[in-house]
Amino acid sequence: MQFVAKILPYVQIILSIVLVLAILLQQTTAGLGGALGGNDNGSFHHTRRGFEKFLFYFSIVCGILFALSAFLAIIVKARS
């Protein structure tokens, strides 16, 4: 448990940086009107393909790993 407590903050920092980069690299097709609940007249259904699909799933996995590492940090802190 001592090793996990030492390495966990570094893992969380790396995961947070990777998660932010994965989210920022994704393309957005929604305009400001769509973000505020309005209607963009030029909008259409967009299917993710290739690298965009990889980034989408990669950001989901990174988010789940970050949440699990946060819960693990709470458990480790409670035991010490």
Protein backbone atom coordinates (compact mmCIF):
# COMPACT_ATOMS: atom_id res chain seq x y z
CA MET A 1 0.00 0.00 0.00
CA GLN A 2 2.91 2.35 0.67
CA PHE A 3 4.11 2.03 -2.94
CA VAL A 4 0.63 2.80 -4.27
CA ALA A 5 0.39 5.86 -2.03
CA LYS A 6 3.71 7.17 -3.38
CA ILE A 7 3.04 6.61 -7.06
CA LEU A 8 -0.69 7.50 -7.20
CA PRO A 9 -0.31 11.31 -7.35
CA TYR A 10 2.02 11.00 -10.34
CA VAL A 11 -0.38 8.63 -12.08
CA GLN A 12 -3.22 11.11 -11.55
CA ILE A 13 -1.16 13.99 -12.95
CA ILE A 14 -0.24 12.00 -16.06
CA LEU A 15 -3.83 10.82 -16.55
CA SER A 16 -5.20 14.34 -16.18
CA ILE A 17 -2.77 15.75 -18.76
CA VAL A 18 -3.54 12.93 -21.22
CA LEU A 19 -7.28 13.37 -20.67
CA VAL A 20 -7.15 17.13 -21.27
CA LEU A 21 -5.10 16.64 -24.45
CA ALA A 22 -7.43 13.93 -25.73
CA ILE A 23 -10.45 16.17 -25.19
CA LEU A 24 -8.82 19.22 -26.76
CA LEU A 25 -7.77 17.27 -29.86
CA GLN A 26 -11.33 16.24 -30.63
CA GLN A 27 -13.10 18.22 -33.32
CA THR A 28 -16.37 19.87 -32.54
CA THR A 29 -19.08 20.44 -35.12
CA ALA A 30 -21.54 22.20 -32.82
CA GLY A 31 -21.66 25.95 -33.08
CA LEU A 32 -22.45 28.41 -30.33
CA GLY A 33 -26.17 28.21 -31.08
CA GLY A 34 -26.19 24.46 -30.57
CA ALA A 35 -24.28 24.78 -27.31
CA LEU A 36 -26.85 27.24 -25.94
CA GLY A 37 -29.85 25.15 -26.92
CA GLY A 38 -30.55 26.85 -30.23
CA ASN A 39 -30.63 25.32 -33.65
CA ASP A 40 -27.77 25.40 -36.14
CA ASN A 41 -29.32 25.31 -39.58
CA GLY A 42 -26.21 23.79 -41.14
CA SER A 43 -25.91 20.91 -38.68
CA PHE A 44 -26.06 17.29 -39.71
CA HIS A 45 -25.43 13.89 -38.18
CA HIS A 46 -21.70 13.28 -37.84
CA THR A 47 -20.21 9.77 -37.66
CA ARG A 48 -16.84 9.40 -35.98
CA ARG A 49 -14.27 7.53 -38.06
CA GLY A 50 -10.62 6.70 -37.81
CA PHE A 51 -8.52 8.77 -35.44
CA GLU A 52 -11.50 10.80 -34.25
CA LYS A 53 -13.24 7.61 -33.11
CA PHE A 54 -10.03 6.48 -31.37
CA LEU A 55 -9.74 9.81 -29.55
CA PHE A 56 -13.36 9.62 -28.45
CA TYR A 57 -12.99 6.16 -26.91
CA PHE A 58 -9.52 6.99 -25.56
CA SER A 59 -10.89 10.01 -23.70
CA ILE A 60 -13.66 7.85 -22.19
CA VAL A 61 -11.12 5.28 -21.01
CA CYS A 62 -8.85 7.99 -19.58
CA GLY A 63 -11.79 9.54 -17.75
CA ILE A 64 -12.75 6.21 -16.22
CA LEU A 65 -9.14 5.51 -15.20
CA PHE A 66 -8.86 8.96 -13.66
CA ALA A 67 -12.06 8.45 -11.66
CA LEU A 68 -10.87 5.03 -10.47
CA SER A 69 -7.52 6.47 -9.41
CA ALA A 70 -9.33 9.19 -7.45
CA PHE A 71 -11.41 6.57 -5.63
CA LEU A 72 -8.26 4.56 -4.97
CA ALA A 73 -6.61 7.66 -3.52
CA ILE A 74 -9.55 8.11 -1.15
CA ILE A 75 -9.32 4.48 -0.04
CA VAL A 76 -5.54 4.66 0.47
CA LYS A 77 -5.85 7.87 2.45
CA ALA A 78 -8.59 6.40 4.66
CA ARG A 79 -6.46 3.36 5.53
CA SER A 80 -3.40 5.35 6.55
